[in-house]
N, C-alpha and C. Protein backbone atom coordinates (compact mmCIF):
# COMPACT_ATOMS: atom_id res chain seq x y z
N MET A 1 16.25 -8.21 23.26
CA MET A 1 14.61 -8.21 22.86
C MET A 1 14.69 -6.97 22.34
N ALA A 2 14.03 -6.86 21.10
CA ALA A 2 13.61 -5.50 20.03
C ALA A 2 12.78 -4.67 21.33
N LEU A 3 13.03 -3.39 21.28
CA LEU A 3 12.27 -2.33 22.05
C LEU A 3 10.79 -2.16 21.14
N PRO A 4 9.60 -1.98 21.57
CA PRO A 4 8.52 -1.86 21.13
C PRO A 4 8.61 -0.76 20.30
N LEU A 5 7.90 -0.52 18.84
CA LEU A 5 7.75 0.11 17.96
C LEU A 5 7.47 1.53 18.42
N SER A 6 7.74 2.93 18.04
CA SER A 6 7.65 3.93 18.42
C SER A 6 5.71 4.19 17.97
N GLY A 7 5.03 5.02 18.86
CA GLY A 7 3.68 5.30 17.97
C GLY A 7 3.76 5.52 16.60
N GLU A 8 4.64 6.48 16.02
CA GLU A 8 4.66 6.69 14.65
C GLU A 8 4.87 5.38 13.67
N GLU A 9 6.11 4.78 14.33
CA GLU A 9 6.63 3.59 13.38
C GLU A 9 5.16 2.70 13.58
N GLN A 10 4.49 2.39 14.76
CA GLN A 10 3.48 1.39 14.50
C GLN A 10 2.19 2.12 13.35
N ALA A 11 2.14 3.38 13.95
CA ALA A 11 0.94 3.86 12.97
C ALA A 11 1.04 3.53 11.29
N ARG A 12 2.50 3.83 10.97
CA ARG A 12 2.99 3.36 9.70
C ARG A 12 2.75 1.90 8.95
N ALA A 13 3.41 1.09 10.09
CA ALA A 13 3.27 -0.12 9.78
C ALA A 13 1.56 -0.70 9.61
N ASP A 14 0.86 -0.32 10.21
CA ASP A 14 -0.50 -0.46 10.19
C ASP A 14 -1.40 0.13 9.00
N LEU A 15 -0.78 1.16 8.54
CA LEU A 15 -1.35 1.62 7.28
C LEU A 15 -0.88 0.91 6.22
N TYR A 16 0.53 0.52 6.32
CA TYR A 16 0.91 0.03 5.14
C TYR A 16 0.39 -1.65 5.38
N ALA A 17 -0.05 -2.14 6.43
CA ALA A 17 -0.86 -3.37 6.50
C ALA A 17 -2.20 -3.43 5.96
N LEU A 18 -2.75 -2.43 6.28
CA LEU A 18 -4.30 -2.09 5.90
C LEU A 18 -4.25 -2.11 4.55
N LEU A 19 -3.32 -1.17 3.77
CA LEU A 19 -3.41 -0.87 2.36
C LEU A 19 -2.95 -2.33 1.68
N SER A 20 -2.08 -2.93 2.23
CA SER A 20 -1.61 -4.14 1.46
C SER A 20 -2.90 -5.17 1.41
N ARG A 21 -3.81 -5.27 2.49
CA ARG A 21 -4.73 -5.96 2.72
C ARG A 21 -5.95 -5.86 1.79
N LEU A 22 -6.16 -4.25 1.59
CA LEU A 22 -7.23 -4.06 0.79
C LEU A 22 -6.71 -4.04 -0.56
N LEU A 23 -5.60 -3.71 -0.88
CA LEU A 23 -5.21 -4.14 -2.47
C LEU A 23 -4.90 -5.14 -2.87
N LEU A 24 -4.79 -6.26 -2.09
CA LEU A 24 -4.63 -7.70 -2.65
C LEU A 24 -6.09 -8.59 -2.58
N ALA A 25 -6.85 -7.99 -1.61
CA ALA A 25 -8.28 -8.86 -1.56
C ALA A 25 -9.09 -7.80 -0.93
N PRO A 26 -10.58 -8.28 -1.52
CA PRO A 26 -11.36 -7.14 -0.86
C PRO A 26 -11.70 -7.60 0.66
N PRO A 27 -12.26 -6.50 1.40
CA PRO A 27 -12.67 -6.62 2.77
C PRO A 27 -13.49 -7.36 3.32
N ASP A 28 -13.24 -8.46 3.99
CA ASP A 28 -14.72 -9.12 4.40
C ASP A 28 -15.60 -8.27 5.45
N ALA A 29 -16.77 -8.74 6.17
CA ALA A 29 -17.73 -8.05 6.83
C ALA A 29 -16.93 -7.53 7.97
N GLY A 30 -16.13 -8.50 8.47
CA GLY A 30 -15.16 -8.07 9.94
C GLY A 30 -14.45 -6.94 9.57
N LEU A 31 -13.78 -6.97 8.53
CA LEU A 31 -12.80 -5.76 8.47
C LEU A 31 -13.59 -4.45 8.01
N LEU A 32 -14.52 -4.67 7.32
CA LEU A 32 -15.46 -3.44 6.90
C LEU A 32 -16.17 -2.69 8.19
N GLU A 33 -16.40 -3.76 9.25
CA GLU A 33 -17.17 -3.22 10.69
C GLU A 33 -16.01 -2.86 11.21
N ALA A 34 -14.84 -2.90 11.32
CA ALA A 34 -13.36 -2.56 12.00
C ALA A 34 -13.34 -1.24 11.25
N LEU A 35 -13.20 -1.14 10.35
CA LEU A 35 -12.73 0.12 9.54
C LEU A 35 -14.14 1.26 10.00
N ALA A 36 -14.86 0.76 10.34
CA ALA A 36 -16.16 1.85 10.25
C ALA A 36 -16.28 2.22 11.62
N ALA A 37 -15.58 1.33 12.57
CA ALA A 37 -15.61 1.82 14.03
C ALA A 37 -14.23 2.29 14.25
N SER A 38 -13.45 2.76 13.37
CA SER A 38 -12.15 3.09 13.62
C SER A 38 -12.23 4.64 14.12
N ASP A 39 -10.92 4.79 15.04
CA ASP A 39 -10.93 6.41 15.24
C ASP A 39 -10.55 7.12 13.95
N PRO A 40 -10.82 8.42 14.20
CA PRO A 40 -10.41 9.37 13.02
C PRO A 40 -8.78 9.27 13.27
N ILE A 41 -8.22 9.55 11.84
CA ILE A 41 -6.75 10.02 11.99
C ILE A 41 -6.79 11.76 11.75
N LEU A 42 -6.18 12.34 13.01
CA LEU A 42 -5.91 13.64 12.79
C LEU A 42 -4.78 14.13 12.11
N ALA A 43 -5.16 15.18 11.30
CA ALA A 43 -3.96 15.67 10.70
C ALA A 43 -2.83 16.58 11.32
N GLN A 44 -1.53 16.40 10.70
CA GLN A 44 -0.62 17.11 11.20
C GLN A 44 -0.34 18.45 10.30
N GLY A 45 -0.52 19.37 10.79
CA GLY A 45 -0.21 20.41 10.00
C GLY A 45 -1.15 20.97 8.97
N GLU A 46 -1.14 21.58 7.91
CA GLU A 46 -2.35 21.99 7.14
C GLU A 46 -2.73 20.99 6.05
N ASP A 47 -2.02 19.76 5.68
CA ASP A 47 -2.26 18.85 4.72
C ASP A 47 -3.55 17.92 5.37
N LEU A 48 -4.69 18.11 4.78
CA LEU A 48 -5.92 17.19 5.45
C LEU A 48 -6.31 16.10 4.48
N ALA A 49 -5.64 15.79 3.76
CA ALA A 49 -5.49 14.63 2.54
C ALA A 49 -5.86 13.65 3.15
N LEU A 50 -4.74 13.29 4.02
CA LEU A 50 -4.93 11.67 4.66
C LEU A 50 -6.05 11.66 5.74
N GLU A 51 -6.34 12.91 6.62
CA GLU A 51 -7.51 12.69 7.53
C GLU A 51 -8.89 12.72 6.48
N GLN A 52 -8.72 13.32 5.56
CA GLN A 52 -10.16 13.36 4.74
C GLN A 52 -10.21 11.99 4.11
N ALA A 53 -9.58 11.57 3.29
CA ALA A 53 -9.57 10.21 2.77
C ALA A 53 -9.52 9.01 3.78
N TRP A 54 -8.93 8.89 4.97
CA TRP A 54 -9.41 8.21 6.14
C TRP A 54 -10.87 8.21 6.44
N GLU A 55 -11.53 9.30 6.48
CA GLU A 55 -12.86 9.50 7.20
C GLU A 55 -13.80 8.97 5.91
N GLN A 56 -13.47 9.48 4.80
CA GLN A 56 -14.30 8.91 3.55
C GLN A 56 -14.21 7.41 3.77
N LEU A 57 -13.32 6.63 3.70
CA LEU A 57 -13.11 5.15 3.77
C LEU A 57 -13.99 4.52 5.02
N THR A 58 -13.67 5.28 6.11
CA THR A 58 -14.38 4.65 7.03
C THR A 58 -16.07 4.95 7.28
N LEU A 59 -16.50 6.10 6.51
CA LEU A 59 -18.11 6.24 6.48
C LEU A 59 -18.49 4.99 5.28
N ALA A 60 -17.71 4.77 4.26
CA ALA A 60 -18.08 4.28 3.46
C ALA A 60 -18.18 2.57 3.74
N SER A 61 -17.13 2.46 4.77
CA SER A 61 -17.05 0.86 5.09
C SER A 61 -18.31 0.85 6.13
N GLY A 62 -18.96 1.43 6.65
CA GLY A 62 -19.83 1.42 7.26
C GLY A 62 -21.14 1.02 6.61
N VAL A 63 -21.19 1.26 5.78
CA VAL A 63 -22.91 1.26 4.72
C VAL A 63 -22.14 0.22 3.27
N MET A 64 -21.16 -0.21 3.25
CA MET A 64 -20.86 -1.10 1.88
C MET A 64 -21.31 -2.34 2.37
N ASP A 65 -22.06 -3.10 1.43
CA ASP A 65 -22.35 -4.56 1.41
C ASP A 65 -20.96 -5.27 0.99
N PRO A 66 -20.39 -6.19 2.08
CA PRO A 66 -19.38 -7.05 1.51
C PRO A 66 -19.13 -7.50 0.19
N GLN A 67 -20.54 -8.34 -0.30
CA GLN A 67 -20.28 -9.12 -1.62
C GLN A 67 -20.13 -7.77 -2.75
N ALA A 68 -20.83 -6.47 -2.51
CA ALA A 68 -20.74 -5.62 -3.47
C ALA A 68 -19.26 -5.29 -3.61
N VAL A 69 -18.56 -5.01 -2.42
CA VAL A 69 -17.30 -4.86 -2.37
C VAL A 69 -16.50 -5.86 -3.07
N ALA A 70 -16.69 -7.08 -2.92
CA ALA A 70 -16.05 -8.22 -3.53
C ALA A 70 -16.36 -7.91 -4.91
N ASP A 71 -17.43 -7.79 -5.53
CA ASP A 71 -17.72 -7.79 -6.68
C ASP A 71 -16.72 -6.65 -7.58
N GLU A 72 -17.02 -5.65 -6.87
CA GLU A 72 -16.26 -4.33 -7.30
C GLU A 72 -14.65 -4.77 -7.74
N PHE A 73 -14.16 -5.69 -6.75
CA PHE A 73 -12.50 -5.75 -6.42
C PHE A 73 -12.51 -6.68 -7.73
N ASP A 74 -13.42 -7.72 -7.88
CA ASP A 74 -13.03 -8.83 -8.92
C ASP A 74 -12.99 -8.10 -10.41
N ALA A 75 -14.10 -7.23 -10.22
CA ALA A 75 -14.21 -6.44 -11.70
C ALA A 75 -13.10 -5.66 -12.13
N LEU A 76 -12.32 -4.91 -11.01
CA LEU A 76 -11.59 -4.10 -11.18
C LEU A 76 -10.18 -4.75 -11.33
N PHE A 77 -9.70 -5.81 -10.60
CA PHE A 77 -8.55 -6.47 -10.57
C PHE A 77 -8.53 -7.69 -11.29
N ILE A 78 -9.45 -8.61 -11.21
CA ILE A 78 -9.39 -10.00 -11.62
C ILE A 78 -10.51 -10.30 -12.69
N SER A 79 -10.91 -9.38 -13.46
CA SER A 79 -11.80 -9.85 -14.69
C SER A 79 -10.89 -10.42 -15.72
N ILE A 80 -12.05 -11.22 -16.73
CA ILE A 80 -11.23 -12.19 -17.43
C ILE A 80 -10.74 -11.23 -18.35
N GLY A 81 -9.34 -11.64 -19.25
CA GLY A 81 -8.44 -11.13 -19.87
C GLY A 81 -7.87 -10.17 -19.16
N THR A 82 -7.50 -9.15 -19.77
CA THR A 82 -6.83 -8.06 -19.28
C THR A 82 -7.93 -7.43 -18.07
N PRO A 83 -7.43 -7.17 -16.81
CA PRO A 83 -8.26 -6.35 -15.84
C PRO A 83 -7.99 -4.94 -15.97
N PRO A 84 -9.15 -4.24 -15.94
CA PRO A 84 -9.03 -2.52 -16.07
C PRO A 84 -7.83 -1.85 -15.25
N VAL A 85 -7.39 -2.51 -14.23
CA VAL A 85 -6.28 -2.10 -13.63
C VAL A 85 -5.23 -3.41 -12.93
N ASN A 86 -4.11 -2.68 -13.12
CA ASN A 86 -2.88 -3.77 -13.21
C ASN A 86 -2.00 -2.86 -12.17
N PRO A 87 -1.85 -2.87 -10.88
CA PRO A 87 -0.93 -1.87 -10.36
C PRO A 87 0.43 -2.41 -9.74
N TYR A 88 0.99 -3.06 -10.95
CA TYR A 88 2.19 -3.45 -10.81
C TYR A 88 3.40 -2.61 -11.10
N ALA A 89 4.27 -2.55 -10.32
CA ALA A 89 5.55 -1.77 -10.71
C ALA A 89 6.07 -1.95 -12.16
N SER A 90 6.07 -2.86 -12.57
CA SER A 90 7.10 -3.21 -14.07
C SER A 90 6.23 -2.63 -15.24
N ARG A 91 4.68 -2.78 -14.88
CA ARG A 91 3.79 -2.18 -15.85
C ARG A 91 4.09 -0.71 -16.17
N TYR A 92 4.30 0.23 -14.97
CA TYR A 92 4.14 1.40 -15.09
C TYR A 92 5.73 2.06 -15.31
N LEU A 93 6.52 1.28 -14.87
CA LEU A 93 8.00 1.58 -15.00
C LEU A 93 8.73 1.13 -16.35
N SER A 94 7.97 0.07 -17.35
CA SER A 94 8.95 -0.29 -18.25
C SER A 94 7.59 -0.48 -19.48
N GLY A 95 6.63 -0.54 -18.83
CA GLY A 95 5.24 -0.58 -19.94
C GLY A 95 4.83 -2.09 -20.14
N PHE A 96 5.63 -3.08 -19.48
CA PHE A 96 5.62 -4.56 -19.78
C PHE A 96 5.11 -5.27 -18.31
N MET A 97 4.35 -6.15 -18.04
CA MET A 97 4.50 -7.01 -16.77
C MET A 97 5.69 -7.75 -16.75
N ASN A 98 5.84 -8.11 -15.52
CA ASN A 98 7.03 -9.20 -15.05
C ASN A 98 8.04 -8.64 -16.05
N ASP A 99 8.77 -7.56 -16.06
CA ASP A 99 9.88 -7.05 -16.60
C ASP A 99 11.05 -6.57 -15.71
N ALA A 100 11.87 -6.09 -16.05
CA ALA A 100 13.27 -5.49 -15.70
C ALA A 100 13.10 -5.10 -14.12
N PRO A 101 12.02 -3.78 -13.90
CA PRO A 101 11.94 -3.66 -12.51
C PRO A 101 11.50 -4.82 -11.51
N LEU A 102 10.82 -6.11 -11.91
CA LEU A 102 10.52 -7.02 -11.10
C LEU A 102 11.77 -7.70 -10.71
N ALA A 103 12.64 -8.02 -11.76
CA ALA A 103 13.85 -8.35 -11.52
C ALA A 103 14.82 -7.58 -10.45
N ALA A 104 14.69 -6.45 -10.44
CA ALA A 104 15.32 -5.60 -9.46
C ALA A 104 15.08 -5.62 -8.11
N LEU A 105 13.75 -5.96 -8.29
CA LEU A 105 13.03 -5.77 -6.94
C LEU A 105 13.36 -7.10 -6.17
N ARG A 106 13.01 -8.31 -7.26
CA ARG A 106 13.54 -9.48 -6.43
C ARG A 106 15.13 -9.85 -5.84
N ALA A 107 15.85 -9.08 -6.55
CA ALA A 107 17.28 -8.88 -6.33
C ALA A 107 17.33 -8.17 -4.78
N ASP A 108 16.46 -7.07 -4.56
CA ASP A 108 16.39 -6.35 -3.51
C ASP A 108 15.71 -7.47 -2.32
N LEU A 109 15.07 -7.71 -2.54
CA LEU A 109 14.32 -8.64 -1.67
C LEU A 109 15.24 -9.58 -1.17
N ALA A 110 15.91 -10.30 -2.12
CA ALA A 110 16.84 -11.34 -1.55
C ALA A 110 17.88 -10.85 -1.01
N HIS A 111 18.10 -9.69 -1.03
CA HIS A 111 19.37 -9.16 -0.17
C HIS A 111 18.77 -8.98 1.26
N LEU A 112 17.46 -8.80 1.23
CA LEU A 112 16.71 -8.60 2.31
C LEU A 112 16.43 -9.69 3.06
N LYS A 113 16.40 -11.07 2.49
CA LYS A 113 15.94 -11.93 2.87
C LYS A 113 14.63 -12.36 3.08
N LEU A 114 13.68 -11.69 1.79
CA LEU A 114 12.55 -11.92 1.60
C LEU A 114 12.03 -12.28 0.45
N ALA A 115 11.20 -13.06 0.58
CA ALA A 115 10.59 -13.73 -0.88
C ALA A 115 8.93 -13.81 -0.94
N ARG A 116 8.52 -13.95 -1.89
CA ARG A 116 7.02 -14.45 -2.24
C ARG A 116 6.86 -15.34 -1.25
N VAL A 117 5.64 -15.27 -0.67
CA VAL A 117 5.01 -16.57 -0.04
C VAL A 117 4.39 -17.58 -0.95
N GLY A 118 4.68 -18.82 -0.65
CA GLY A 118 4.35 -20.03 -1.50
C GLY A 118 2.66 -19.95 -1.96
N GLY A 119 2.38 -20.04 -3.13
CA GLY A 119 1.01 -20.10 -3.38
C GLY A 119 0.38 -18.64 -3.58
N VAL A 120 1.04 -17.42 -3.41
CA VAL A 120 0.69 -16.01 -3.57
C VAL A 120 0.52 -16.04 -5.13
N GLY A 121 -0.67 -15.66 -5.64
CA GLY A 121 -0.74 -15.45 -7.10
C GLY A 121 0.24 -14.09 -7.67
N GLU A 122 -0.05 -13.18 -6.98
CA GLU A 122 0.63 -11.77 -7.31
C GLU A 122 1.81 -12.04 -7.10
N PHE A 123 2.58 -11.25 -8.57
CA PHE A 123 4.01 -10.78 -8.27
C PHE A 123 4.23 -10.25 -7.37
N GLU A 124 5.44 -9.82 -6.80
CA GLU A 124 6.46 -9.22 -5.71
C GLU A 124 6.27 -7.45 -5.64
N ASP A 125 5.78 -7.34 -7.43
CA ASP A 125 5.86 -5.78 -7.72
C ASP A 125 4.26 -5.20 -7.70
N HIS A 126 3.40 -6.17 -7.05
CA HIS A 126 2.24 -5.38 -6.98
C HIS A 126 1.97 -4.39 -5.76
N LEU A 127 1.22 -3.36 -6.16
CA LEU A 127 1.47 -2.58 -4.88
C LEU A 127 1.05 -2.99 -3.89
N GLY A 128 0.13 -3.73 -3.65
CA GLY A 128 -0.15 -4.13 -2.21
C GLY A 128 0.76 -5.20 -1.67
N ALA A 129 1.64 -5.86 -2.52
CA ALA A 129 2.83 -6.79 -1.92
C ALA A 129 4.02 -5.79 -1.23
N LEU A 130 4.21 -4.60 -2.27
CA LEU A 130 4.87 -3.71 -1.91
C LEU A 130 5.04 -2.99 -0.53
N CYS A 131 3.35 -2.82 -0.09
CA CYS A 131 2.96 -2.26 1.02
C CYS A 131 3.30 -3.05 1.98
N GLU A 132 3.16 -4.48 1.89
CA GLU A 132 3.31 -5.40 2.67
C GLU A 132 4.69 -5.39 3.28
N THR A 133 5.76 -5.31 2.08
CA THR A 133 7.28 -5.21 2.16
C THR A 133 7.48 -4.28 3.20
N MET A 134 6.86 -3.07 2.92
CA MET A 134 7.34 -1.74 3.80
C MET A 134 6.71 -1.94 5.12
N ARG A 135 5.81 -2.87 5.47
CA ARG A 135 5.41 -3.23 6.82
C ARG A 135 6.33 -3.87 7.42
N VAL A 136 6.80 -4.91 6.65
CA VAL A 136 7.84 -5.82 7.49
C VAL A 136 9.20 -5.04 7.38
N LEU A 137 9.53 -4.03 6.66
CA LEU A 137 10.91 -3.47 6.87
C LEU A 137 10.81 -2.50 8.10
N ILE A 138 9.54 -1.88 8.35
CA ILE A 138 9.36 -1.07 9.46
C ILE A 138 9.29 -1.74 10.77
N ALA A 139 8.22 -2.97 10.95
CA ALA A 139 7.98 -3.54 12.02
C ALA A 139 8.89 -4.92 12.15
N GLY A 140 9.40 -5.15 11.40
CA GLY A 140 10.16 -6.64 10.94
C GLY A 140 9.11 -7.88 11.25
N GLY A 141 9.72 -9.14 11.28
CA GLY A 141 8.75 -10.12 10.95
C GLY A 141 9.34 -11.65 11.72
N PRO A 142 8.93 -12.96 11.52
CA PRO A 142 9.66 -14.05 12.10
C PRO A 142 10.92 -14.01 11.13
N GLY A 143 12.09 -13.88 12.00
CA GLY A 143 13.42 -14.09 11.14
C GLY A 143 13.75 -13.04 10.56
N ILE A 144 13.18 -11.66 10.71
CA ILE A 144 13.44 -10.70 9.91
C ILE A 144 13.75 -9.61 10.77
N ALA A 145 14.78 -8.72 10.73
CA ALA A 145 14.89 -7.74 11.53
C ALA A 145 14.19 -6.22 11.15
N ARG A 146 13.76 -5.37 12.05
CA ARG A 146 13.39 -4.08 11.38
C ARG A 146 14.48 -3.68 10.52
N GLN A 147 14.38 -2.60 9.61
CA GLN A 147 15.28 -2.18 8.77
C GLN A 147 15.21 -0.76 9.24
N PRO A 148 16.20 0.13 9.35
CA PRO A 148 16.61 1.35 9.74
C PRO A 148 15.82 2.19 8.63
N LEU A 149 15.85 3.35 8.88
CA LEU A 149 14.78 4.09 8.06
C LEU A 149 15.31 4.60 6.65
N ALA A 150 16.94 4.62 6.87
CA ALA A 150 17.45 4.87 5.59
C ALA A 150 17.23 3.68 4.70
N ARG A 151 17.13 2.66 5.05
CA ARG A 151 16.81 1.22 4.07
C ARG A 151 15.42 1.30 3.71
N GLN A 152 14.56 1.61 4.57
CA GLN A 152 13.19 1.61 4.25
C GLN A 152 12.99 2.99 3.07
N GLN A 153 13.73 4.26 3.35
CA GLN A 153 13.86 5.34 2.27
C GLN A 153 14.20 4.52 1.04
N GLN A 154 15.24 3.58 0.96
CA GLN A 154 15.96 3.33 -0.48
C GLN A 154 15.10 2.13 -0.88
N PHE A 155 14.33 1.49 -0.46
CA PHE A 155 13.30 0.69 -0.70
C PHE A 155 11.90 1.33 -1.59
N PHE A 156 11.59 2.37 -0.72
CA PHE A 156 10.50 3.15 -1.08
C PHE A 156 10.84 3.86 -2.54
N GLU A 157 11.73 4.74 -2.23
CA GLU A 157 12.33 5.24 -3.48
C GLU A 157 12.54 4.65 -4.74
N ALA A 158 12.90 3.31 -4.56
CA ALA A 158 13.35 2.50 -5.88
C ALA A 158 12.10 1.97 -6.55
N HIS A 159 11.25 1.59 -5.29
CA HIS A 159 10.22 0.51 -6.09
C HIS A 159 8.91 0.97 -6.06
N ILE A 160 8.64 2.08 -5.35
CA ILE A 160 7.21 2.66 -5.06
C ILE A 160 7.16 4.05 -5.52
N GLY A 161 8.13 4.82 -5.20
CA GLY A 161 8.08 6.24 -5.09
C GLY A 161 7.66 6.80 -6.84
N PRO A 162 8.59 5.89 -7.57
CA PRO A 162 8.47 6.58 -9.19
C PRO A 162 7.10 6.34 -9.71
N TRP A 163 6.28 5.54 -9.37
CA TRP A 163 4.85 5.17 -10.06
C TRP A 163 3.57 4.86 -9.11
N TYR A 164 3.55 4.93 -7.72
CA TYR A 164 2.34 4.83 -6.92
C TYR A 164 1.42 5.87 -7.43
N ALA A 165 1.61 7.02 -7.60
CA ALA A 165 0.84 8.21 -8.13
C ALA A 165 0.01 7.75 -9.13
N ARG A 166 0.86 7.58 -10.32
CA ARG A 166 -0.19 6.94 -11.58
C ARG A 166 -1.03 5.84 -11.20
N GLY A 167 -0.49 4.76 -10.50
CA GLY A 167 -1.21 3.67 -10.00
C GLY A 167 -2.34 4.10 -9.29
N VAL A 168 -2.33 4.48 -8.04
CA VAL A 168 -3.66 4.86 -7.49
C VAL A 168 -4.61 5.69 -8.41
N ALA A 169 -4.01 6.74 -9.01
CA ALA A 169 -4.99 7.55 -9.97
C ALA A 169 -5.69 6.66 -11.13
N ASP A 170 -5.22 5.53 -11.67
CA ASP A 170 -5.78 4.83 -12.43
C ASP A 170 -6.80 3.80 -11.75
N ILE A 171 -6.34 3.52 -10.55
CA ILE A 171 -7.78 2.87 -9.50
C ILE A 171 -8.84 3.74 -9.32
N ALA A 172 -8.62 4.89 -8.92
CA ALA A 172 -9.52 5.83 -8.43
C ALA A 172 -10.72 6.42 -9.70
N ALA A 173 -9.91 6.11 -10.93
CA ALA A 173 -10.62 6.48 -12.37
C ALA A 173 -11.34 5.14 -13.14
N ALA A 174 -11.01 4.26 -12.64
CA ALA A 174 -11.26 3.01 -13.34
C ALA A 174 -13.03 3.09 -13.21
N GLU A 175 -13.44 2.77 -14.27
CA GLU A 175 -14.63 2.49 -14.31
C GLU A 175 -15.75 1.63 -13.34
N GLY A 176 -16.57 1.86 -12.52
CA GLY A 176 -16.85 1.14 -11.72
C GLY A 176 -16.02 1.01 -10.12
N ALA A 177 -15.01 1.99 -9.85
CA ALA A 177 -14.31 2.02 -8.70
C ALA A 177 -15.39 2.94 -7.87
N ASN A 178 -15.62 2.43 -6.84
CA ASN A 178 -16.49 3.04 -5.96
C ASN A 178 -16.30 2.78 -4.66
N TYR A 179 -15.83 1.80 -3.98
CA TYR A 179 -15.28 1.69 -2.68
C TYR A 179 -13.87 1.86 -2.98
N TYR A 180 -13.39 1.35 -3.81
CA TYR A 180 -11.81 1.25 -4.22
C TYR A 180 -11.35 2.79 -4.51
N ARG A 181 -12.31 3.56 -5.09
CA ARG A 181 -11.83 4.95 -5.51
C ARG A 181 -11.29 5.42 -4.01
N LEU A 182 -12.03 5.15 -3.25
CA LEU A 182 -11.42 5.85 -1.70
C LEU A 182 -10.47 4.99 -1.20
N VAL A 183 -10.23 3.92 -1.73
CA VAL A 183 -8.70 3.36 -1.18
C VAL A 183 -7.65 3.66 -1.67
N ALA A 184 -8.23 4.04 -3.09
CA ALA A 184 -6.92 4.54 -3.76
C ALA A 184 -6.53 5.95 -3.42
N ARG A 185 -7.87 6.56 -2.94
CA ARG A 185 -7.31 8.38 -2.21
C ARG A 185 -6.54 7.92 -0.85
N LEU A 186 -7.15 6.87 -0.21
CA LEU A 186 -6.23 6.82 0.98
C LEU A 186 -4.81 6.43 0.91
N ALA A 187 -4.56 5.41 0.07
CA ALA A 187 -3.09 5.05 -0.44
C ALA A 187 -2.34 6.31 -1.31
N GLY A 188 -2.98 6.87 -2.11
CA GLY A 188 -2.34 8.07 -2.54
C GLY A 188 -1.70 9.03 -1.56
N ALA A 189 -2.85 9.54 -0.61
CA ALA A 189 -2.66 10.45 0.54
C ALA A 189 -1.52 9.78 1.34
N PHE A 190 -1.55 8.78 1.90
CA PHE A 190 -0.59 8.46 2.81
C PHE A 190 0.63 8.40 2.17
N LEU A 191 1.14 7.43 0.87
CA LEU A 191 2.61 7.27 0.25
C LEU A 191 3.23 8.83 0.06
N ALA A 192 2.08 9.82 -0.21
CA ALA A 192 2.71 11.17 -0.71
C ALA A 192 3.21 11.28 0.60
N ILE A 193 2.79 11.35 1.91
CA ILE A 193 3.33 11.72 3.00
C ILE A 193 4.57 10.85 3.43
N GLU A 194 4.65 9.74 3.20
CA GLU A 194 5.80 8.95 3.26
C GLU A 194 7.03 9.48 2.26
N ALA A 195 6.47 9.72 1.12
CA ALA A 195 7.57 10.26 0.26
C ALA A 195 8.10 11.52 0.54
N GLU A 196 7.43 12.61 1.38
CA GLU A 196 7.97 13.78 1.56
C GLU A 196 8.80 13.63 2.72
N ALA A 197 8.11 12.84 3.56
CA ALA A 197 8.95 12.57 5.08
C ALA A 197 10.43 12.26 4.84
N PHE A 198 10.51 11.28 3.84
CA PHE A 198 11.85 10.77 3.54
C PHE A 198 12.76 11.56 2.99
N VAL A 199 12.03 12.95 2.33
CA VAL A 199 12.98 13.83 1.74
C VAL A 199 13.29 15.03 2.70
N VAL A 200 12.20 15.14 3.53
CA VAL A 200 12.72 15.82 4.75
C VAL A 200 13.56 15.58 5.58
N GLY A 201 13.46 14.34 5.66
CA GLY A 201 14.81 13.39 6.91
C GLY A 201 15.94 13.65 6.05
N GLU A 202 15.98 13.27 4.55
CA GLU A 202 17.20 13.79 4.47
C GLU A 202 17.76 15.42 4.31
N GLU A 203 17.12 16.12 4.30
CA GLU A 203 17.09 17.67 4.46
C GLU A 203 17.86 17.83 5.77
N THR A 204 17.24 17.17 6.84
CA THR A 204 17.32 17.15 8.17
C THR A 204 18.69 16.72 8.60
N ASP A 205 19.45 15.40 7.84
CA ASP A 205 20.44 14.96 7.92
C ASP A 205 21.70 15.63 7.20
N ASP A 206 21.31 16.70 6.28
CA ASP A 206 22.67 17.32 5.93
C ASP A 206 23.02 18.59 6.60
């Protein structure tokens, strides 16, 4: 029987799960209420970006109308034609949707015995889907073992690290981004911490 996750691992998995949920679908009333009632994230060290981004998102969650957030999500990510925002790795890494980076990702997922759930419309290289994969790598899942930190780092640096900053910046800057500007800010702050932590871990191991 696997030991429980450490507090840090659980917090990482929970944040990845939340980002995945918010990037793949708009929050319903229950999630907005839960976010509004959430405890603050206390910064470690001098970097306050995550703490501040979390505070802004939770405060906004307490005053946002669920339908307004849903309409905003649709306008940003699901509008007719080409949506204003397409947070897919292939688009940022190669300039084209459904391109070589997606093929490389699928090969990596197959090696991990992971695959897109049937009926899911988004490709696997959507930022929300990648966050869900990171959650599984950290916490495991049905029939899927937790992966060591080195494997998490390999996946992050191959499929998220090279482009997430541009992706979340585009979400934040998109016309009509109100609630999702704050979601993007939270994603950017958290993923920057992840990227830095992996690098620090490498230096510690040397």
